[in-house]
N, C-alpha and C. Protein backbone atom coordinates (compact mmCIF):
# COMPACT_ATOMS: atom_id res chain seq x y z
N MET A 1 -44.58 -15.35 51.19
CA MET A 1 -44.04 -15.59 49.89
C MET A 1 -42.55 -15.29 49.90
N LYS A 2 -41.77 -16.23 49.34
CA LYS A 2 -40.33 -16.11 49.35
C LYS A 2 -39.88 -15.28 48.15
N LYS A 3 -39.02 -14.30 48.41
CA LYS A 3 -38.52 -13.43 47.35
C LYS A 3 -37.44 -14.16 46.57
N ALA A 4 -37.49 -14.08 45.23
CA ALA A 4 -36.49 -14.73 44.38
C ALA A 4 -35.14 -14.06 44.57
N SER A 5 -34.11 -14.85 44.59
CA SER A 5 -32.77 -14.28 44.77
C SER A 5 -32.33 -13.58 43.49
N ASN A 6 -31.38 -12.70 43.66
CA ASN A 6 -30.81 -11.99 42.51
C ASN A 6 -30.18 -12.95 41.52
N LYS A 7 -29.54 -14.01 42.02
CA LYS A 7 -28.88 -14.98 41.15
C LYS A 7 -29.87 -15.62 40.19
N ASN A 8 -31.06 -16.00 40.70
CA ASN A 8 -32.08 -16.60 39.85
C ASN A 8 -32.60 -15.59 38.83
N SER A 9 -32.74 -14.34 39.21
CA SER A 9 -33.20 -13.31 38.29
C SER A 9 -32.23 -13.15 37.13
N ILE A 10 -30.95 -13.14 37.44
CA ILE A 10 -29.93 -13.02 36.39
C ILE A 10 -29.97 -14.23 35.49
N THR A 11 -30.07 -15.40 36.04
CA THR A 11 -30.14 -16.63 35.25
C THR A 11 -31.35 -16.61 34.34
N ASN A 12 -32.49 -16.16 34.85
CA ASN A 12 -33.70 -16.09 34.03
C ASN A 12 -33.52 -15.14 32.86
N VAL A 13 -32.88 -14.00 33.10
CA VAL A 13 -32.65 -13.04 32.02
C VAL A 13 -31.70 -13.64 30.99
N LEU A 14 -30.63 -14.27 31.44
CA LEU A 14 -29.65 -14.84 30.53
C LEU A 14 -30.21 -15.99 29.71
N ASN A 15 -31.17 -16.72 30.28
CA ASN A 15 -31.77 -17.84 29.56
C ASN A 15 -32.95 -17.41 28.68
N ASP A 16 -33.37 -16.20 28.81
CA ASP A 16 -34.51 -15.70 28.05
C ASP A 16 -34.16 -15.69 26.56
N GLU A 17 -34.97 -16.32 25.74
CA GLU A 17 -34.71 -16.42 24.30
C GLU A 17 -34.98 -15.10 23.57
N GLU A 18 -35.57 -14.14 24.24
CA GLU A 18 -35.92 -12.90 23.56
C GLU A 18 -34.83 -11.83 23.63
N ILE A 19 -33.66 -12.18 24.11
CA ILE A 19 -32.56 -11.21 24.13
C ILE A 19 -32.10 -11.01 22.69
N ASP A 20 -32.01 -9.79 22.29
CA ASP A 20 -31.62 -9.47 20.91
C ASP A 20 -30.15 -9.07 20.88
N PHE A 21 -29.32 -9.96 20.36
CA PHE A 21 -27.90 -9.68 20.25
C PHE A 21 -27.53 -9.11 18.88
N SER A 22 -28.50 -8.93 18.02
CA SER A 22 -28.21 -8.47 16.66
C SER A 22 -27.49 -7.12 16.62
N PRO A 23 -27.75 -6.17 17.54
CA PRO A 23 -26.97 -4.93 17.48
C PRO A 23 -25.47 -5.16 17.67
N ILE A 24 -25.12 -6.09 18.54
CA ILE A 24 -23.71 -6.40 18.74
C ILE A 24 -23.12 -7.03 17.49
N ILE A 25 -23.86 -7.93 16.87
CA ILE A 25 -23.40 -8.57 15.63
C ILE A 25 -23.19 -7.51 14.55
N LYS A 26 -24.10 -6.55 14.45
CA LYS A 26 -23.98 -5.48 13.45
C LYS A 26 -22.76 -4.61 13.72
N ILE A 27 -22.47 -4.33 14.98
CA ILE A 27 -21.29 -3.53 15.33
C ILE A 27 -20.03 -4.27 14.89
N ILE A 28 -19.97 -5.54 15.19
CA ILE A 28 -18.80 -6.34 14.80
C ILE A 28 -18.65 -6.37 13.29
N GLN A 29 -19.75 -6.60 12.58
CA GLN A 29 -19.70 -6.65 11.11
C GLN A 29 -19.23 -5.32 10.54
N ALA A 30 -19.75 -4.22 11.07
CA ALA A 30 -19.37 -2.90 10.55
C ALA A 30 -17.88 -2.64 10.77
N HIS A 31 -17.40 -2.95 11.92
CA HIS A 31 -16.00 -2.68 12.20
C HIS A 31 -15.06 -3.65 11.49
N ARG A 32 -15.48 -4.88 11.32
CA ARG A 32 -14.66 -5.81 10.54
C ARG A 32 -14.51 -5.31 9.11
N HIS A 33 -15.60 -4.83 8.54
CA HIS A 33 -15.55 -4.27 7.19
C HIS A 33 -14.58 -3.08 7.14
N ASN A 34 -14.66 -2.21 8.14
CA ASN A 34 -13.76 -1.05 8.20
C ASN A 34 -12.31 -1.47 8.32
N VAL A 35 -12.05 -2.49 9.12
CA VAL A 35 -10.68 -2.99 9.29
C VAL A 35 -10.16 -3.51 7.95
N TYR A 36 -10.94 -4.31 7.25
CA TYR A 36 -10.51 -4.84 5.95
C TYR A 36 -10.25 -3.70 4.96
N ARG A 37 -11.11 -2.70 4.97
CA ARG A 37 -10.95 -1.56 4.07
C ARG A 37 -9.67 -0.79 4.39
N LYS A 38 -9.40 -0.57 5.66
CA LYS A 38 -8.19 0.17 6.04
C LYS A 38 -6.93 -0.63 5.74
N ILE A 39 -6.97 -1.93 5.96
CA ILE A 39 -5.82 -2.78 5.62
C ILE A 39 -5.56 -2.70 4.12
N ASN A 40 -6.61 -2.80 3.33
CA ASN A 40 -6.47 -2.71 1.88
C ASN A 40 -5.89 -1.36 1.47
N GLU A 41 -6.39 -0.30 2.07
CA GLU A 41 -5.90 1.04 1.76
C GLU A 41 -4.39 1.12 2.03
N GLU A 42 -3.95 0.58 3.14
CA GLU A 42 -2.53 0.59 3.48
C GLU A 42 -1.72 -0.26 2.51
N LEU A 43 -2.24 -1.41 2.11
CA LEU A 43 -1.54 -2.27 1.15
C LEU A 43 -1.36 -1.57 -0.19
N VAL A 44 -2.42 -0.96 -0.68
CA VAL A 44 -2.35 -0.27 -1.98
C VAL A 44 -1.37 0.91 -1.88
N THR A 45 -1.42 1.64 -0.77
CA THR A 45 -0.49 2.75 -0.57
C THR A 45 0.95 2.23 -0.51
N MET A 46 1.16 1.10 0.14
CA MET A 46 2.50 0.51 0.21
C MET A 46 3.00 0.16 -1.19
N TYR A 47 2.15 -0.49 -2.00
CA TYR A 47 2.56 -0.84 -3.36
C TYR A 47 2.88 0.41 -4.18
N TYR A 48 2.10 1.46 -4.01
CA TYR A 48 2.32 2.72 -4.72
C TYR A 48 3.68 3.30 -4.33
N GLU A 49 3.96 3.34 -3.03
CA GLU A 49 5.22 3.90 -2.55
C GLU A 49 6.42 3.06 -2.98
N ILE A 50 6.27 1.74 -2.95
CA ILE A 50 7.34 0.86 -3.43
C ILE A 50 7.57 1.13 -4.92
N GLY A 51 6.49 1.23 -5.68
CA GLY A 51 6.60 1.52 -7.11
C GLY A 51 7.28 2.85 -7.36
N GLU A 52 6.95 3.84 -6.57
CA GLU A 52 7.58 5.17 -6.71
C GLU A 52 9.09 5.08 -6.46
N TYR A 53 9.46 4.43 -5.38
CA TYR A 53 10.88 4.31 -5.03
C TYR A 53 11.65 3.58 -6.12
N ILE A 54 11.14 2.44 -6.55
CA ILE A 54 11.84 1.65 -7.56
C ILE A 54 11.88 2.40 -8.89
N SER A 55 10.78 3.04 -9.27
CA SER A 55 10.73 3.79 -10.52
C SER A 55 11.83 4.85 -10.56
N LYS A 56 11.96 5.57 -9.47
CA LYS A 56 12.99 6.62 -9.42
C LYS A 56 14.39 6.02 -9.46
N LYS A 57 14.60 4.89 -8.79
CA LYS A 57 15.92 4.25 -8.81
C LYS A 57 16.25 3.72 -10.21
N LEU A 58 15.23 3.19 -10.89
CA LEU A 58 15.46 2.69 -12.24
C LEU A 58 15.89 3.81 -13.18
N LYS A 59 15.32 5.00 -12.98
CA LYS A 59 15.63 6.13 -13.86
C LYS A 59 16.88 6.88 -13.44
N GLN A 60 16.98 7.20 -12.16
CA GLN A 60 18.08 8.05 -11.69
C GLN A 60 19.38 7.30 -11.48
N GLU A 61 19.30 6.12 -10.93
CA GLU A 61 20.51 5.39 -10.60
C GLU A 61 20.73 4.20 -11.53
N LYS A 62 19.89 4.11 -12.55
CA LYS A 62 20.03 3.06 -13.56
C LYS A 62 20.03 1.65 -12.95
N TRP A 63 19.13 1.47 -11.99
CA TRP A 63 18.97 0.11 -11.45
C TRP A 63 18.59 -0.80 -12.62
N GLY A 64 19.06 -2.00 -12.57
CA GLY A 64 18.72 -2.98 -13.59
C GLY A 64 18.04 -4.19 -12.97
N SER A 65 17.90 -5.21 -13.78
CA SER A 65 17.26 -6.44 -13.36
C SER A 65 17.97 -7.08 -12.17
N GLY A 66 19.30 -6.96 -12.13
CA GLY A 66 20.06 -7.54 -11.02
C GLY A 66 19.71 -6.90 -9.69
N ALA A 67 19.53 -5.58 -9.69
CA ALA A 67 19.16 -4.88 -8.46
C ALA A 67 17.77 -5.32 -7.99
N ILE A 68 16.87 -5.49 -8.94
CA ILE A 68 15.51 -5.93 -8.59
C ILE A 68 15.56 -7.35 -8.03
N ASP A 69 16.36 -8.22 -8.63
CA ASP A 69 16.50 -9.59 -8.12
C ASP A 69 17.03 -9.58 -6.69
N ARG A 70 18.03 -8.74 -6.43
CA ARG A 70 18.58 -8.66 -5.07
C ARG A 70 17.56 -8.09 -4.10
N LEU A 71 16.79 -7.12 -4.56
CA LEU A 71 15.73 -6.55 -3.72
C LEU A 71 14.69 -7.62 -3.36
N VAL A 72 14.29 -8.40 -4.34
CA VAL A 72 13.33 -9.49 -4.08
C VAL A 72 13.89 -10.44 -3.03
N GLY A 73 15.15 -10.81 -3.17
CA GLY A 73 15.78 -11.70 -2.20
C GLY A 73 15.81 -11.10 -0.80
N THR A 74 16.12 -9.82 -0.71
CA THR A 74 16.16 -9.14 0.59
C THR A 74 14.78 -9.09 1.22
N ILE A 75 13.78 -8.72 0.43
CA ILE A 75 12.41 -8.65 0.95
C ILE A 75 11.94 -10.03 1.40
N ASN A 76 12.19 -11.04 0.59
CA ASN A 76 11.74 -12.40 0.94
C ASN A 76 12.44 -12.92 2.19
N LYS A 77 13.66 -12.51 2.40
CA LYS A 77 14.37 -12.91 3.62
C LYS A 77 13.76 -12.22 4.84
N GLU A 78 13.46 -10.94 4.71
CA GLU A 78 12.89 -10.16 5.81
C GLU A 78 11.42 -10.50 6.08
N PHE A 79 10.68 -10.74 5.00
CA PHE A 79 9.23 -10.98 5.10
C PHE A 79 8.85 -12.22 4.29
N PRO A 80 9.18 -13.40 4.77
CA PRO A 80 8.95 -14.62 3.98
C PRO A 80 7.47 -14.91 3.71
N ASP A 81 6.57 -14.31 4.46
CA ASP A 81 5.14 -14.57 4.27
C ASP A 81 4.51 -13.65 3.22
N MET A 82 5.25 -12.69 2.70
CA MET A 82 4.71 -11.75 1.70
C MET A 82 4.92 -12.32 0.30
N LYS A 83 3.91 -12.98 -0.21
CA LYS A 83 4.01 -13.65 -1.52
C LYS A 83 3.98 -12.67 -2.69
N SER A 84 3.47 -11.47 -2.46
CA SER A 84 3.33 -10.52 -3.57
C SER A 84 4.64 -9.80 -3.89
N MET A 85 5.68 -10.05 -3.14
CA MET A 85 6.94 -9.36 -3.36
C MET A 85 7.89 -10.14 -4.25
N SER A 86 7.37 -10.54 -5.39
CA SER A 86 8.18 -11.21 -6.40
C SER A 86 8.69 -10.14 -7.38
N LYS A 87 9.53 -10.55 -8.29
CA LYS A 87 10.02 -9.62 -9.32
C LYS A 87 8.84 -9.05 -10.11
N ARG A 88 7.94 -9.93 -10.48
CA ARG A 88 6.74 -9.51 -11.22
C ARG A 88 5.90 -8.53 -10.40
N GLY A 89 5.74 -8.84 -9.11
CA GLY A 89 4.96 -7.97 -8.22
C GLY A 89 5.59 -6.60 -8.07
N LEU A 90 6.91 -6.56 -7.99
CA LEU A 90 7.59 -5.26 -7.87
C LEU A 90 7.44 -4.45 -9.15
N TYR A 91 7.56 -5.10 -10.29
CA TYR A 91 7.37 -4.38 -11.55
C TYR A 91 5.92 -3.90 -11.71
N ARG A 92 4.97 -4.66 -11.18
CA ARG A 92 3.58 -4.20 -11.19
C ARG A 92 3.43 -2.95 -10.34
N SER A 93 4.12 -2.91 -9.21
CA SER A 93 4.08 -1.72 -8.35
C SER A 93 4.64 -0.51 -9.09
N VAL A 94 5.72 -0.71 -9.83
CA VAL A 94 6.30 0.36 -10.64
C VAL A 94 5.30 0.83 -11.68
N GLN A 95 4.70 -0.11 -12.39
CA GLN A 95 3.70 0.21 -13.41
C GLN A 95 2.53 0.97 -12.79
N PHE A 96 2.07 0.52 -11.65
CA PHE A 96 0.97 1.15 -10.92
C PHE A 96 1.31 2.61 -10.61
N TYR A 97 2.49 2.83 -10.05
CA TYR A 97 2.91 4.20 -9.73
C TYR A 97 3.01 5.05 -11.00
N GLU A 98 3.65 4.52 -12.03
CA GLU A 98 3.87 5.31 -13.24
C GLU A 98 2.58 5.66 -13.96
N ILE A 99 1.57 4.83 -13.84
CA ILE A 99 0.28 5.12 -14.47
C ILE A 99 -0.43 6.26 -13.75
N TYR A 100 -0.40 6.26 -12.44
CA TYR A 100 -1.26 7.17 -11.68
C TYR A 100 -0.58 8.40 -11.08
N HIS A 101 0.74 8.47 -11.02
CA HIS A 101 1.37 9.57 -10.28
C HIS A 101 1.12 10.94 -10.89
N ASP A 102 0.87 11.02 -12.17
CA ASP A 102 0.61 12.31 -12.81
C ASP A 102 -0.87 12.67 -12.88
N HIS A 103 -1.70 11.92 -12.19
CA HIS A 103 -3.15 12.13 -12.27
C HIS A 103 -3.74 12.34 -10.87
N PRO A 104 -3.69 13.59 -10.39
CA PRO A 104 -4.13 13.87 -9.01
C PRO A 104 -5.61 13.58 -8.75
N ASN A 105 -6.42 13.51 -9.79
CA ASN A 105 -7.84 13.18 -9.59
C ASN A 105 -8.05 11.69 -9.34
N VAL A 106 -7.14 10.89 -9.84
CA VAL A 106 -7.29 9.44 -9.75
C VAL A 106 -6.47 8.85 -8.60
N SER A 107 -5.28 9.39 -8.37
CA SER A 107 -4.38 8.83 -7.36
C SER A 107 -5.02 8.58 -6.00
N PRO A 108 -5.81 9.52 -5.45
CA PRO A 108 -6.42 9.25 -4.14
C PRO A 108 -7.45 8.12 -4.17
N LEU A 109 -8.04 7.89 -5.33
CA LEU A 109 -9.10 6.87 -5.44
C LEU A 109 -8.55 5.46 -5.46
N VAL A 110 -7.34 5.28 -5.98
CA VAL A 110 -6.83 3.92 -6.17
C VAL A 110 -6.67 3.17 -4.86
N SER A 111 -6.46 3.89 -3.76
CA SER A 111 -6.30 3.20 -2.47
C SER A 111 -7.64 2.77 -1.88
N GLN A 112 -8.72 3.19 -2.51
CA GLN A 112 -10.06 2.85 -2.00
C GLN A 112 -10.62 1.57 -2.59
N ILE A 113 -9.91 0.99 -3.55
CA ILE A 113 -10.35 -0.29 -4.11
C ILE A 113 -9.24 -1.32 -3.91
N SER A 114 -9.57 -2.57 -4.05
CA SER A 114 -8.60 -3.63 -3.76
C SER A 114 -7.45 -3.63 -4.77
N TRP A 115 -6.34 -4.19 -4.34
CA TRP A 115 -5.17 -4.31 -5.20
C TRP A 115 -5.52 -5.15 -6.43
N THR A 116 -6.29 -6.21 -6.24
CA THR A 116 -6.70 -7.05 -7.37
C THR A 116 -7.49 -6.25 -8.39
N ASN A 117 -8.45 -5.45 -7.93
CA ASN A 117 -9.22 -4.62 -8.86
C ASN A 117 -8.33 -3.58 -9.53
N ASN A 118 -7.37 -3.03 -8.81
CA ASN A 118 -6.43 -2.10 -9.42
C ASN A 118 -5.63 -2.78 -10.52
N LEU A 119 -5.16 -3.99 -10.26
CA LEU A 119 -4.39 -4.72 -11.28
C LEU A 119 -5.22 -4.95 -12.53
N ILE A 120 -6.46 -5.34 -12.34
CA ILE A 120 -7.35 -5.60 -13.49
C ILE A 120 -7.56 -4.32 -14.28
N ILE A 121 -7.84 -3.23 -13.59
CA ILE A 121 -8.12 -1.96 -14.27
C ILE A 121 -6.89 -1.45 -15.00
N PHE A 122 -5.74 -1.38 -14.32
CA PHE A 122 -4.60 -0.79 -15.02
C PHE A 122 -4.01 -1.72 -16.06
N SER A 123 -4.35 -2.99 -16.02
CA SER A 123 -3.86 -3.92 -17.04
C SER A 123 -4.75 -3.98 -18.27
N HIS A 124 -6.05 -3.70 -18.11
CA HIS A 124 -6.99 -3.90 -19.21
C HIS A 124 -7.61 -2.63 -19.78
N LYS A 125 -7.45 -1.53 -19.13
CA LYS A 125 -8.03 -0.27 -19.63
C LYS A 125 -6.90 0.61 -20.14
N THR A 126 -7.10 1.22 -21.31
CA THR A 126 -5.99 1.91 -21.96
C THR A 126 -5.87 3.38 -21.56
N THR A 127 -6.96 4.09 -21.48
CA THR A 127 -6.85 5.52 -21.17
C THR A 127 -7.06 5.77 -19.69
N ILE A 128 -6.52 6.88 -19.22
CA ILE A 128 -6.69 7.24 -17.81
C ILE A 128 -8.17 7.52 -17.51
N GLU A 129 -8.90 7.99 -18.50
CA GLU A 129 -10.34 8.23 -18.31
C GLU A 129 -11.09 6.92 -18.06
N GLU A 130 -10.74 5.89 -18.83
CA GLU A 130 -11.34 4.57 -18.60
C GLU A 130 -10.99 4.05 -17.21
N LYS A 131 -9.74 4.18 -16.84
CA LYS A 131 -9.30 3.72 -15.53
C LYS A 131 -10.07 4.44 -14.43
N GLU A 132 -10.14 5.76 -14.55
CA GLU A 132 -10.87 6.55 -13.55
C GLU A 132 -12.33 6.15 -13.49
N PHE A 133 -12.97 5.91 -14.63
CA PHE A 133 -14.37 5.51 -14.66
C PHE A 133 -14.58 4.22 -13.86
N TYR A 134 -13.76 3.22 -14.13
CA TYR A 134 -13.94 1.94 -13.44
C TYR A 134 -13.57 2.01 -11.96
N ILE A 135 -12.58 2.80 -11.64
CA ILE A 135 -12.23 2.98 -10.22
C ILE A 135 -13.40 3.62 -9.49
N ARG A 136 -13.95 4.67 -10.08
CA ARG A 136 -15.10 5.34 -9.43
C ARG A 136 -16.31 4.41 -9.35
N LEU A 137 -16.51 3.60 -10.36
CA LEU A 137 -17.61 2.65 -10.35
C LEU A 137 -17.47 1.66 -9.19
N LEU A 138 -16.27 1.17 -8.97
CA LEU A 138 -16.02 0.24 -7.87
C LEU A 138 -16.07 0.93 -6.52
N TRP A 139 -15.75 2.18 -6.49
CA TRP A 139 -15.66 2.94 -5.25
C TRP A 139 -17.03 3.28 -4.68
N LEU A 140 -18.04 3.34 -5.55
CA LEU A 140 -19.39 3.71 -5.10
C LEU A 140 -19.94 2.74 -4.09
């Protein structure tokens, strides 16, 4: 009786329909989700920090609309693919910072939900308690 070669054994295993690749698919799915979450966290943190910087400049150095227009132009020149860096987007970042900076219970949570959900919450909910409730609801 002729012994099967190693090459044929490998081919048989690779062609076997009972190989379960689902654990690999689950690993990829889990890490993709984590990557999206971390990217979102960084984006929200970036908007918060931009809002903080601009808010302080508006108050301390009396930046006006002209300074914001020039800032938008500079950002768009440096990062032409960043569509959220419009005048309106920068003022939203300022609003975002000003709403949450005095609320240490809420500030860490805002980076855990999407920027879109943050915009909806801080635009439509009036009290910080309402905002915190909806942020925590989304965070669960």
